[in-house]
Amino acid sequence: MDATYWNTRYEDGRTGWDLGQLSPPLKAIIDAVTDKQAAILIPGAGSGYEVDYLLQQGFTDVTVIDLAPLAIDRLRERVGTPAGLTTLVGNFFDHQGQYDLILEQTFFCALDPALRVAYAQHMRALLKPGGRVAGVLFATTFPFEGPPFGGSVAEYRTLFEPNFGAVRLEPCLVSVKPRLGNEVWVELRA
């Protein structure tokens, strides 16, 4: 699942993960952030509806990265290139930086499960001291070959606890209807 794979999904409109709007769980996370200068990363940003909301709320240091050039092109067409927004086409695992908050939604589940340990390690490396990863993960397995790839709270604990000082996983009660009962809040602290 390389850049060509994801770009083709956007070209063909096979983007079932795209809600067409900011998801309620990410809105709740963003609404709780009081520091408008917090450095925020959105990996696997896709359409990046979180970006619109972050900018509307006055956040001044937002970085998005996606493998698919078409996803980033469409995001740039929609929001422009305002000050405080960095849009990158590239591989998350090659990205360097330090962030206060990394927003997670539909990125983890899009990765081959063989990359999950590397995901946890790289997320931790990208966090500033006291920083956190926050968002939602699927709390279910799927009866088909992904993506998306699901998982369980027990699996996530085993994966994240060696890499983070604090791990919070609990049912997500504000999911959109199609995902309600199938998502778990995740908060990983440096």
N, C-alpha and C. Protein backbone atom coordinates (compact mmCIF):
# COMPACT_ATOMS: atom_id res chain seq x y z
N MET A 1 0.84 -1.18 0.00
CA MET A 1 0.00 0.00 0.00
C MET A 1 0.89 1.25 0.00
N ASP A 2 1.37 1.56 -1.18
CA ASP A 2 2.28 2.67 -1.34
C ASP A 2 1.53 3.92 -1.82
N ALA A 3 2.27 4.96 -2.19
CA ALA A 3 1.66 6.21 -2.64
C ALA A 3 0.74 6.00 -3.84
N THR A 4 1.14 5.13 -4.77
CA THR A 4 0.31 4.87 -5.95
C THR A 4 -1.02 4.24 -5.54
N TYR A 5 -0.97 3.30 -4.64
CA TYR A 5 -2.19 2.64 -4.16
C TYR A 5 -3.16 3.68 -3.59
N TRP A 6 -2.68 4.54 -2.66
CA TRP A 6 -3.56 5.51 -2.01
C TRP A 6 -4.01 6.59 -2.99
N ASN A 7 -3.13 7.02 -3.87
CA ASN A 7 -3.52 8.03 -4.85
C ASN A 7 -4.63 7.50 -5.75
N THR A 8 -4.51 6.24 -6.16
CA THR A 8 -5.53 5.62 -7.00
C THR A 8 -6.87 5.54 -6.26
N ARG A 9 -6.84 5.27 -4.97
CA ARG A 9 -8.08 5.24 -4.19
C ARG A 9 -8.77 6.60 -4.25
N TYR A 10 -7.99 7.69 -4.15
CA TYR A 10 -8.58 9.03 -4.25
C TYR A 10 -9.08 9.31 -5.66
N GLU A 11 -8.31 8.93 -6.66
CA GLU A 11 -8.72 9.14 -8.05
C GLU A 11 -10.03 8.44 -8.36
N ASP A 12 -10.20 7.21 -7.83
CA ASP A 12 -11.37 6.39 -8.11
C ASP A 12 -12.54 6.68 -7.17
N GLY A 13 -12.32 7.55 -6.19
CA GLY A 13 -13.38 7.86 -5.23
C GLY A 13 -13.66 6.73 -4.25
N ARG A 14 -12.68 5.83 -4.06
CA ARG A 14 -12.85 4.72 -3.12
C ARG A 14 -12.30 5.15 -1.76
N THR A 15 -13.03 6.07 -1.13
CA THR A 15 -12.59 6.68 0.13
C THR A 15 -13.69 6.54 1.18
N GLY A 16 -14.07 5.32 1.45
CA GLY A 16 -15.14 5.05 2.39
C GLY A 16 -14.89 5.58 3.79
N TRP A 17 -13.65 5.84 4.13
CA TRP A 17 -13.30 6.40 5.45
C TRP A 17 -13.62 7.88 5.55
N ASP A 18 -13.80 8.53 4.42
CA ASP A 18 -13.98 9.98 4.38
C ASP A 18 -15.41 10.34 4.76
N LEU A 19 -15.58 11.00 5.89
CA LEU A 19 -16.91 11.38 6.37
C LEU A 19 -17.46 12.62 5.69
N GLY A 20 -16.60 13.35 4.99
CA GLY A 20 -17.04 14.59 4.36
C GLY A 20 -17.15 15.75 5.34
N GLN A 21 -16.67 15.54 6.55
CA GLN A 21 -16.73 16.57 7.60
C GLN A 21 -15.82 16.16 8.74
N LEU A 22 -15.61 17.08 9.66
CA LEU A 22 -14.85 16.80 10.87
C LEU A 22 -15.59 15.75 11.70
N SER A 23 -14.88 14.76 12.19
CA SER A 23 -15.54 13.73 13.01
C SER A 23 -15.77 14.25 14.43
N PRO A 24 -16.86 13.84 15.06
CA PRO A 24 -17.14 14.30 16.42
C PRO A 24 -16.03 14.01 17.43
N PRO A 25 -15.38 12.83 17.40
CA PRO A 25 -14.31 12.62 18.38
C PRO A 25 -13.15 13.61 18.22
N LEU A 26 -12.75 13.89 16.99
CA LEU A 26 -11.65 14.84 16.81
C LEU A 26 -12.06 16.26 17.16
N LYS A 27 -13.29 16.62 16.90
CA LYS A 27 -13.77 17.94 17.31
C LYS A 27 -13.66 18.09 18.83
N ALA A 28 -14.07 17.04 19.56
CA ALA A 28 -13.99 17.08 21.03
C ALA A 28 -12.55 17.22 21.50
N ILE A 29 -11.63 16.53 20.86
CA ILE A 29 -10.21 16.63 21.24
C ILE A 29 -9.70 18.04 20.98
N ILE A 30 -9.98 18.57 19.80
CA ILE A 30 -9.52 19.91 19.43
C ILE A 30 -10.12 20.95 20.37
N ASP A 31 -11.41 20.82 20.68
CA ASP A 31 -12.07 21.79 21.56
C ASP A 31 -11.44 21.84 22.95
N ALA A 32 -10.79 20.77 23.37
CA ALA A 32 -10.17 20.74 24.70
C ALA A 32 -8.77 21.34 24.72
N VAL A 33 -8.21 21.67 23.56
CA VAL A 33 -6.86 22.23 23.50
C VAL A 33 -6.95 23.74 23.66
N THR A 34 -6.30 24.27 24.68
CA THR A 34 -6.36 25.71 24.94
C THR A 34 -5.19 26.48 24.36
N ASP A 35 -4.07 25.80 24.11
CA ASP A 35 -2.87 26.47 23.58
C ASP A 35 -2.95 26.52 22.06
N LYS A 36 -3.31 27.67 21.52
CA LYS A 36 -3.48 27.82 20.07
C LYS A 36 -2.15 27.76 19.32
N GLN A 37 -1.02 27.84 20.04
CA GLN A 37 0.28 27.72 19.40
C GLN A 37 0.84 26.30 19.48
N ALA A 38 0.07 25.37 20.01
CA ALA A 38 0.52 23.98 20.10
C ALA A 38 0.88 23.47 18.70
N ALA A 39 1.99 22.77 18.62
CA ALA A 39 2.41 22.15 17.36
C ALA A 39 1.60 20.87 17.18
N ILE A 40 0.82 20.81 16.08
CA ILE A 40 -0.11 19.70 15.84
C ILE A 40 0.25 19.02 14.52
N LEU A 41 0.27 17.69 14.56
CA LEU A 41 0.51 16.88 13.36
C LEU A 41 -0.71 16.03 13.09
N ILE A 42 -1.08 15.94 11.80
CA ILE A 42 -2.14 15.04 11.36
C ILE A 42 -1.53 14.11 10.30
N PRO A 43 -1.12 12.90 10.72
CA PRO A 43 -0.55 11.96 9.74
C PRO A 43 -1.65 11.25 8.97
N GLY A 44 -1.37 10.93 7.71
CA GLY A 44 -2.39 10.29 6.88
C GLY A 44 -3.62 11.18 6.79
N ALA A 45 -3.39 12.45 6.57
CA ALA A 45 -4.42 13.49 6.69
C ALA A 45 -5.60 13.31 5.75
N GLY A 46 -5.38 12.72 4.59
CA GLY A 46 -6.48 12.57 3.64
C GLY A 46 -7.12 13.91 3.33
N SER A 47 -8.43 13.99 3.44
CA SER A 47 -9.15 15.23 3.15
C SER A 47 -8.94 16.29 4.22
N GLY A 48 -8.54 15.88 5.40
CA GLY A 48 -8.12 16.82 6.44
C GLY A 48 -9.17 17.81 6.90
N TYR A 49 -10.38 17.37 7.15
CA TYR A 49 -11.40 18.30 7.64
C TYR A 49 -11.03 18.88 9.00
N GLU A 50 -10.15 18.19 9.72
CA GLU A 50 -9.64 18.71 10.99
C GLU A 50 -8.89 20.02 10.76
N VAL A 51 -8.23 20.13 9.61
CA VAL A 51 -7.44 21.32 9.30
C VAL A 51 -8.34 22.55 9.24
N ASP A 52 -9.45 22.45 8.54
CA ASP A 52 -10.39 23.57 8.44
C ASP A 52 -10.77 24.06 9.84
N TYR A 53 -11.13 23.10 10.70
CA TYR A 53 -11.59 23.45 12.04
C TYR A 53 -10.45 24.04 12.88
N LEU A 54 -9.28 23.44 12.81
CA LEU A 54 -8.14 23.97 13.56
C LEU A 54 -7.85 25.42 13.17
N LEU A 55 -7.84 25.69 11.88
CA LEU A 55 -7.57 27.05 11.41
C LEU A 55 -8.68 28.01 11.83
N GLN A 56 -9.92 27.58 11.74
CA GLN A 56 -11.04 28.42 12.18
C GLN A 56 -10.95 28.74 13.67
N GLN A 57 -10.40 27.82 14.44
CA GLN A 57 -10.28 28.01 15.88
C GLN A 57 -9.03 28.80 16.27
N GLY A 58 -8.22 29.18 15.29
CA GLY A 58 -7.06 30.03 15.56
C GLY A 58 -5.76 29.31 15.84
N PHE A 59 -5.67 28.01 15.55
CA PHE A 59 -4.42 27.30 15.75
C PHE A 59 -3.40 27.77 14.70
N THR A 60 -2.15 27.90 15.13
CA THR A 60 -1.14 28.55 14.30
C THR A 60 0.02 27.66 13.87
N ASP A 61 0.00 26.36 14.24
CA ASP A 61 1.12 25.48 13.91
C ASP A 61 0.59 24.08 13.61
N VAL A 62 0.04 23.93 12.41
CA VAL A 62 -0.58 22.67 12.00
C VAL A 62 0.20 22.09 10.82
N THR A 63 0.58 20.82 10.95
CA THR A 63 1.29 20.11 9.88
C THR A 63 0.48 18.89 9.51
N VAL A 64 0.31 18.68 8.20
CA VAL A 64 -0.36 17.48 7.71
C VAL A 64 0.58 16.76 6.75
N ILE A 65 0.49 15.45 6.77
CA ILE A 65 1.29 14.64 5.85
C ILE A 65 0.44 13.49 5.34
N ASP A 66 0.59 13.20 4.06
CA ASP A 66 -0.11 12.07 3.45
C ASP A 66 0.75 11.53 2.32
N LEU A 67 0.70 10.24 2.10
CA LEU A 67 1.42 9.61 0.99
C LEU A 67 0.83 9.99 -0.36
N ALA A 68 -0.48 10.23 -0.40
CA ALA A 68 -1.18 10.46 -1.66
C ALA A 68 -1.10 11.93 -2.08
N PRO A 69 -0.39 12.23 -3.16
CA PRO A 69 -0.32 13.62 -3.62
C PRO A 69 -1.70 14.22 -3.89
N LEU A 70 -2.62 13.42 -4.42
CA LEU A 70 -3.94 13.93 -4.75
C LEU A 70 -4.69 14.39 -3.49
N ALA A 71 -4.53 13.66 -2.40
CA ALA A 71 -5.19 14.06 -1.15
C ALA A 71 -4.67 15.42 -0.69
N ILE A 72 -3.37 15.60 -0.73
CA ILE A 72 -2.79 16.89 -0.31
C ILE A 72 -3.16 17.99 -1.29
N ASP A 73 -3.17 17.70 -2.59
CA ASP A 73 -3.58 18.71 -3.58
C ASP A 73 -5.02 19.17 -3.32
N ARG A 74 -5.91 18.24 -3.05
CA ARG A 74 -7.30 18.60 -2.79
C ARG A 74 -7.44 19.40 -1.50
N LEU A 75 -6.67 19.04 -0.49
CA LEU A 75 -6.69 19.80 0.76
C LEU A 75 -6.21 21.23 0.51
N ARG A 76 -5.13 21.37 -0.24
CA ARG A 76 -4.61 22.72 -0.55
C ARG A 76 -5.62 23.53 -1.35
N GLU A 77 -6.31 22.88 -2.29
CA GLU A 77 -7.33 23.59 -3.07
C GLU A 77 -8.45 24.10 -2.18
N ARG A 78 -8.81 23.32 -1.18
CA ARG A 78 -9.92 23.68 -0.31
C ARG A 78 -9.54 24.76 0.71
N VAL A 79 -8.38 24.64 1.35
CA VAL A 79 -8.03 25.57 2.43
C VAL A 79 -6.98 26.60 2.02
N GLY A 80 -6.36 26.41 0.86
CA GLY A 80 -5.31 27.33 0.44
C GLY A 80 -4.00 27.01 1.16
N THR A 81 -3.18 28.03 1.29
CA THR A 81 -1.89 27.87 1.96
C THR A 81 -1.74 28.94 3.04
N PRO A 82 -2.61 28.93 4.03
CA PRO A 82 -2.55 29.96 5.06
C PRO A 82 -1.30 29.83 5.93
N ALA A 83 -0.89 30.95 6.52
CA ALA A 83 0.20 30.92 7.48
C ALA A 83 -0.18 29.97 8.60
N GLY A 84 0.79 29.23 9.09
CA GLY A 84 0.53 28.31 10.18
C GLY A 84 0.17 26.91 9.74
N LEU A 85 0.04 26.69 8.43
CA LEU A 85 -0.28 25.36 7.92
C LEU A 85 0.84 24.87 7.02
N THR A 86 1.35 23.68 7.32
CA THR A 86 2.35 23.03 6.49
C THR A 86 1.73 21.76 5.94
N THR A 87 1.72 21.62 4.61
CA THR A 87 1.17 20.43 3.97
C THR A 87 2.30 19.68 3.28
N LEU A 88 2.42 18.40 3.61
CA LEU A 88 3.53 17.59 3.10
C LEU A 88 3.02 16.33 2.41
N VAL A 89 3.61 16.04 1.26
CA VAL A 89 3.40 14.74 0.62
C VAL A 89 4.61 13.91 1.01
N GLY A 90 4.37 12.78 1.66
CA GLY A 90 5.49 11.96 2.06
C GLY A 90 5.08 10.83 2.98
N ASN A 91 6.08 10.08 3.38
CA ASN A 91 5.90 8.92 4.23
C ASN A 91 6.04 9.32 5.69
N PHE A 92 5.02 9.06 6.47
CA PHE A 92 5.03 9.34 7.91
C PHE A 92 6.30 8.83 8.58
N PHE A 93 6.75 7.65 8.21
CA PHE A 93 7.90 7.04 8.87
C PHE A 93 9.21 7.75 8.56
N ASP A 94 9.23 8.58 7.54
CA ASP A 94 10.40 9.38 7.21
C ASP A 94 10.31 10.79 7.81
N HIS A 95 9.16 11.15 8.31
CA HIS A 95 8.92 12.51 8.80
C HIS A 95 9.65 12.75 10.11
N GLN A 96 10.23 13.92 10.23
CA GLN A 96 10.91 14.34 11.45
C GLN A 96 10.24 15.60 11.96
N GLY A 97 10.19 15.76 13.25
CA GLY A 97 9.61 16.95 13.86
C GLY A 97 9.30 16.67 15.31
N GLN A 98 8.78 17.67 15.98
CA GLN A 98 8.41 17.54 17.39
C GLN A 98 7.06 18.20 17.57
N TYR A 99 6.12 17.48 18.17
CA TYR A 99 4.74 17.94 18.25
C TYR A 99 4.19 17.82 19.67
N ASP A 100 3.30 18.76 19.97
CA ASP A 100 2.57 18.72 21.24
C ASP A 100 1.39 17.76 21.15
N LEU A 101 0.79 17.68 19.96
CA LEU A 101 -0.39 16.85 19.76
C LEU A 101 -0.35 16.23 18.37
N ILE A 102 -0.58 14.94 18.32
CA ILE A 102 -0.72 14.24 17.05
C ILE A 102 -2.14 13.68 17.03
N LEU A 103 -2.91 14.05 16.02
CA LEU A 103 -4.30 13.60 15.90
C LEU A 103 -4.35 12.30 15.09
N GLU A 104 -5.02 11.31 15.65
CA GLU A 104 -5.12 9.99 15.01
C GLU A 104 -6.57 9.70 14.64
N GLN A 105 -6.76 9.51 13.34
CA GLN A 105 -8.06 9.02 12.87
C GLN A 105 -7.87 8.41 11.50
N THR A 106 -8.17 7.16 11.37
CA THR A 106 -8.09 6.38 10.14
C THR A 106 -6.68 6.28 9.56
N PHE A 107 -5.66 6.67 10.29
CA PHE A 107 -4.29 6.47 9.82
C PHE A 107 -3.79 5.10 10.28
N PHE A 108 -3.86 4.85 11.56
CA PHE A 108 -3.40 3.58 12.13
C PHE A 108 -4.06 2.39 11.42
N CYS A 109 -5.37 2.48 11.20
CA CYS A 109 -6.10 1.36 10.61
C CYS A 109 -5.78 1.17 9.13
N ALA A 110 -5.17 2.16 8.50
CA ALA A 110 -4.81 2.07 7.09
C ALA A 110 -3.45 1.40 6.89
N LEU A 111 -2.68 1.31 7.96
CA LEU A 111 -1.34 0.74 7.87
C LEU A 111 -1.38 -0.79 7.96
N ASP A 112 -0.51 -1.41 7.22
CA ASP A 112 -0.34 -2.85 7.34
C ASP A 112 -0.02 -3.14 8.82
N PRO A 113 -0.70 -4.11 9.44
CA PRO A 113 -0.43 -4.41 10.84
C PRO A 113 1.04 -4.72 11.15
N ALA A 114 1.80 -5.14 10.15
CA ALA A 114 3.23 -5.39 10.36
C ALA A 114 3.97 -4.10 10.72
N LEU A 115 3.37 -2.95 10.45
CA LEU A 115 4.00 -1.65 10.74
C LEU A 115 3.60 -1.07 12.10
N ARG A 116 2.79 -1.77 12.86
CA ARG A 116 2.26 -1.19 14.09
C ARG A 116 3.32 -0.90 15.15
N VAL A 117 4.28 -1.77 15.31
CA VAL A 117 5.35 -1.49 16.28
C VAL A 117 6.13 -0.26 15.84
N ALA A 118 6.44 -0.16 14.55
CA ALA A 118 7.15 1.02 14.03
C ALA A 118 6.30 2.27 14.19
N TYR A 119 4.99 2.16 14.01
CA TYR A 119 4.07 3.28 14.22
C TYR A 119 4.19 3.79 15.65
N ALA A 120 4.07 2.88 16.62
CA ALA A 120 4.14 3.28 18.03
C ALA A 120 5.47 3.95 18.34
N GLN A 121 6.55 3.39 17.86
CA GLN A 121 7.88 3.94 18.13
C GLN A 121 8.05 5.31 17.48
N HIS A 122 7.58 5.45 16.25
CA HIS A 122 7.76 6.73 15.56
C HIS A 122 6.84 7.81 16.14
N MET A 123 5.63 7.44 16.50
CA MET A 123 4.73 8.40 17.17
C MET A 123 5.41 8.93 18.42
N ARG A 124 5.98 8.04 19.21
CA ARG A 124 6.65 8.46 20.45
C ARG A 124 7.82 9.39 20.14
N ALA A 125 8.58 9.08 19.11
CA ALA A 125 9.74 9.90 18.75
C ALA A 125 9.32 11.30 18.29
N LEU A 126 8.12 11.44 17.73
CA LEU A 126 7.66 12.73 17.22
C LEU A 126 7.06 13.64 18.31
N LEU A 127 6.84 13.09 19.50
CA LEU A 127 6.22 13.89 20.56
C LEU A 127 7.24 14.68 21.35
N LYS A 128 6.89 15.94 21.63
CA LYS A 128 7.66 16.74 22.57
C LYS A 128 7.45 16.15 23.96
N PRO A 129 8.33 16.46 24.92
CA PRO A 129 8.05 16.04 26.30
C PRO A 129 6.68 16.57 26.73
N GLY A 130 5.87 15.69 27.29
CA GLY A 130 4.52 16.06 27.69
C GLY A 130 3.50 16.02 26.56
N GLY A 131 3.94 15.71 25.35
CA GLY A 131 3.04 15.67 24.21
C GLY A 131 2.16 14.43 24.23
N ARG A 132 1.19 14.42 23.32
CA ARG A 132 0.28 13.27 23.30
C ARG A 132 -0.23 12.99 21.89
N VAL A 133 -0.58 11.73 21.69
CA VAL A 133 -1.31 11.27 20.52
C VAL A 133 -2.75 11.10 21.01
N ALA A 134 -3.71 11.63 20.27
CA ALA A 134 -5.11 11.50 20.68
C ALA A 134 -5.99 11.29 19.45
N GLY A 135 -6.99 10.46 19.61
CA GLY A 135 -7.92 10.21 18.52
C GLY A 135 -8.73 8.96 18.76
N VAL A 136 -9.00 8.26 17.69
CA VAL A 136 -9.79 7.03 17.77
C VAL A 136 -9.16 5.93 16.95
N LEU A 137 -9.36 4.70 17.42
CA LEU A 137 -8.94 3.49 16.73
C LEU A 137 -10.15 2.59 16.62
N PHE A 138 -10.15 1.70 15.65
CA PHE A 138 -11.22 0.71 15.58
C PHE A 138 -11.07 -0.27 16.73
N ALA A 139 -12.16 -0.60 17.37
CA ALA A 139 -12.17 -1.56 18.48
C ALA A 139 -12.90 -2.81 18.04
N THR A 140 -12.58 -3.25 16.86
CA THR A 140 -13.21 -4.43 16.28
C THR A 140 -12.27 -5.02 15.24
N THR A 141 -12.45 -6.26 14.95
CA THR A 141 -11.76 -6.86 13.82
C THR A 141 -12.76 -6.95 12.68
N PHE A 142 -12.25 -7.01 11.47
CA PHE A 142 -13.12 -7.00 10.30
C PHE A 142 -13.10 -8.37 9.62
N PRO A 143 -14.22 -8.76 9.02
CA PRO A 143 -14.30 -10.07 8.37
C PRO A 143 -13.75 -10.05 6.93
N PHE A 144 -12.86 -9.11 6.65
CA PHE A 144 -12.28 -9.00 5.31
C PHE A 144 -10.83 -8.55 5.46
N GLU A 145 -10.10 -8.71 4.38
CA GLU A 145 -8.71 -8.25 4.38
C GLU A 145 -8.72 -6.74 4.18
N GLY A 146 -7.98 -6.02 5.02
CA GLY A 146 -7.99 -4.56 4.98
C GLY A 146 -7.10 -4.00 3.90
N PRO A 147 -7.02 -2.70 3.85
CA PRO A 147 -7.49 -1.78 4.87
C PRO A 147 -9.00 -1.53 4.78
N PRO A 148 -9.61 -1.13 5.89
CA PRO A 148 -9.02 -0.88 7.19
C PRO A 148 -8.70 -2.18 7.92
N PHE A 149 -7.72 -2.07 8.81
CA PHE A 149 -7.34 -3.17 9.68
C PHE A 149 -7.80 -2.81 11.08
N GLY A 150 -8.50 -3.71 11.71
CA GLY A 150 -9.00 -3.46 13.05
C GLY A 150 -8.05 -3.97 14.11
N GLY A 151 -8.61 -4.09 15.31
CA GLY A 151 -7.82 -4.58 16.43
C GLY A 151 -8.64 -4.55 17.69
N SER A 152 -7.97 -4.79 18.80
CA SER A 152 -8.66 -4.84 20.09
C SER A 152 -7.94 -3.98 21.11
N VAL A 153 -8.65 -3.62 22.15
CA VAL A 153 -8.05 -2.83 23.23
C VAL A 153 -6.87 -3.58 23.84
N ALA A 154 -6.99 -4.88 24.05
CA ALA A 154 -5.89 -5.66 24.62
C ALA A 154 -4.65 -5.60 23.72
N GLU A 155 -4.86 -5.73 22.42
CA GLU A 155 -3.75 -5.64 21.47
C GLU A 155 -3.10 -4.26 21.53
N TYR A 156 -3.92 -3.21 21.58
CA TYR A 156 -3.39 -1.85 21.61
C TYR A 156 -2.59 -1.59 22.88
N ARG A 157 -3.07 -2.09 24.01
CA ARG A 157 -2.32 -1.92 25.26
C ARG A 157 -0.93 -2.55 25.15
N THR A 158 -0.90 -3.76 24.64
CA THR A 158 0.38 -4.46 24.47
C THR A 158 1.31 -3.69 23.55
N LEU A 159 0.76 -3.07 22.54
CA LEU A 159 1.54 -2.32 21.57
C LEU A 159 2.04 -0.99 22.15
N PHE A 160 1.16 -0.26 22.82
CA PHE A 160 1.49 1.11 23.22
C PHE A 160 2.17 1.24 24.58
N GLU A 161 1.87 0.39 25.52
CA GLU A 161 2.41 0.57 26.87
C GLU A 161 3.94 0.58 26.93
N PRO A 162 4.66 -0.20 26.12
CA PRO A 162 6.13 -0.12 26.17
C PRO A 162 6.69 1.21 25.63
N ASN A 163 5.88 1.96 24.88
CA ASN A 163 6.38 3.15 24.20
C ASN A 163 5.93 4.47 24.81
N PHE A 164 4.92 4.44 25.68
CA PHE A 164 4.35 5.67 26.19
C PHE A 164 4.25 5.63 27.70
N GLY A 165 4.36 6.81 28.33
CA GLY A 165 4.27 6.91 29.79
C GLY A 165 2.88 6.65 30.30
N ALA A 166 1.87 7.01 29.53
CA ALA A 166 0.48 6.79 29.92
C ALA A 166 -0.32 6.41 28.69
N VAL A 167 -1.17 5.42 28.85
CA VAL A 167 -2.03 4.93 27.77
C VAL A 167 -3.47 4.92 28.27
N ARG A 168 -4.33 5.65 27.56
CA ARG A 168 -5.76 5.66 27.89
C ARG A 168 -6.53 5.12 26.69
N LEU A 169 -7.31 4.09 26.92
CA LEU A 169 -8.16 3.49 25.89
C LEU A 169 -9.53 3.27 26.52
N GLU A 170 -10.55 3.85 25.91
CA GLU A 170 -11.91 3.66 26.44
C GLU A 170 -12.91 3.79 25.31
N PRO A 171 -14.11 3.26 25.51
CA PRO A 171 -15.11 3.33 24.42
C PRO A 171 -15.36 4.77 23.98
N CYS A 172 -15.50 4.95 22.69
CA CYS A 172 -15.80 6.27 22.13
C CYS A 172 -17.32 6.39 22.01
N LEU A 173 -17.87 7.32 22.75
CA LEU A 173 -19.32 7.47 22.79
C LEU A 173 -19.86 8.54 21.85
N VAL A 174 -18.97 9.22 21.13
CA VAL A 174 -19.41 10.29 20.22
C VAL A 174 -19.07 9.99 18.77
N SER A 175 -18.96 8.72 18.42
CA SER A 175 -18.68 8.34 17.04
C SER A 175 -19.85 8.70 16.14
N VAL A 176 -19.59 8.76 14.86
CA VAL A 176 -20.67 8.89 13.89
C VAL A 176 -21.43 7.56 13.88
N LYS A 177 -22.67 7.59 13.49
CA LYS A 177 -23.55 6.42 13.60
C LYS A 177 -22.94 5.14 13.00
N PRO A 178 -22.37 5.18 11.79
CA PRO A 178 -21.84 3.92 11.23
C PRO A 178 -20.69 3.32 12.05
N ARG A 179 -20.02 4.14 12.85
CA ARG A 179 -18.87 3.65 13.62
C ARG A 179 -19.18 3.49 15.11
N LEU A 180 -20.34 3.89 15.53
CA LEU A 180 -20.69 3.85 16.95
C LEU A 180 -20.59 2.42 17.48
N GLY A 181 -19.88 2.27 18.57
CA GLY A 181 -19.66 0.96 19.17
C GLY A 181 -18.46 0.22 18.61
N ASN A 182 -17.85 0.77 17.56
CA ASN A 182 -16.69 0.13 16.93
C ASN A 182 -15.41 0.95 17.05
N GLU A 183 -15.46 2.03 17.82
CA GLU A 183 -14.27 2.87 17.99
C GLU A 183 -13.92 2.99 19.47
N VAL A 184 -12.64 3.19 19.70
CA VAL A 184 -12.13 3.40 21.05
C VAL A 184 -11.31 4.69 21.06
N TRP A 185 -11.56 5.52 22.11
CA TRP A 185 -10.70 6.68 22.32
C TRP A 185 -9.31 6.20 22.62
N VAL A 186 -8.33 6.88 22.09
CA VAL A 186 -6.94 6.57 22.43
C VAL A 186 -6.25 7.87 22.81
N GLU A 187 -5.52 7.83 23.90
CA GLU A 187 -4.67 8.95 24.29
C GLU A 187 -3.36 8.35 24.79
N LEU A 188 -2.28 8.71 24.13
CA LEU A 188 -0.95 8.21 24.45
C LEU A 188 -0.09 9.39 24.83
N ARG A 189 0.45 9.38 26.03
CA ARG A 189 1.26 10.51 26.52
C ARG A 189 2.73 10.13 26.54
N ALA A 190 3.55 11.09 26.18
CA ALA A 190 5.00 10.91 26.16
C ALA A 190 5.51 10.65 27.57
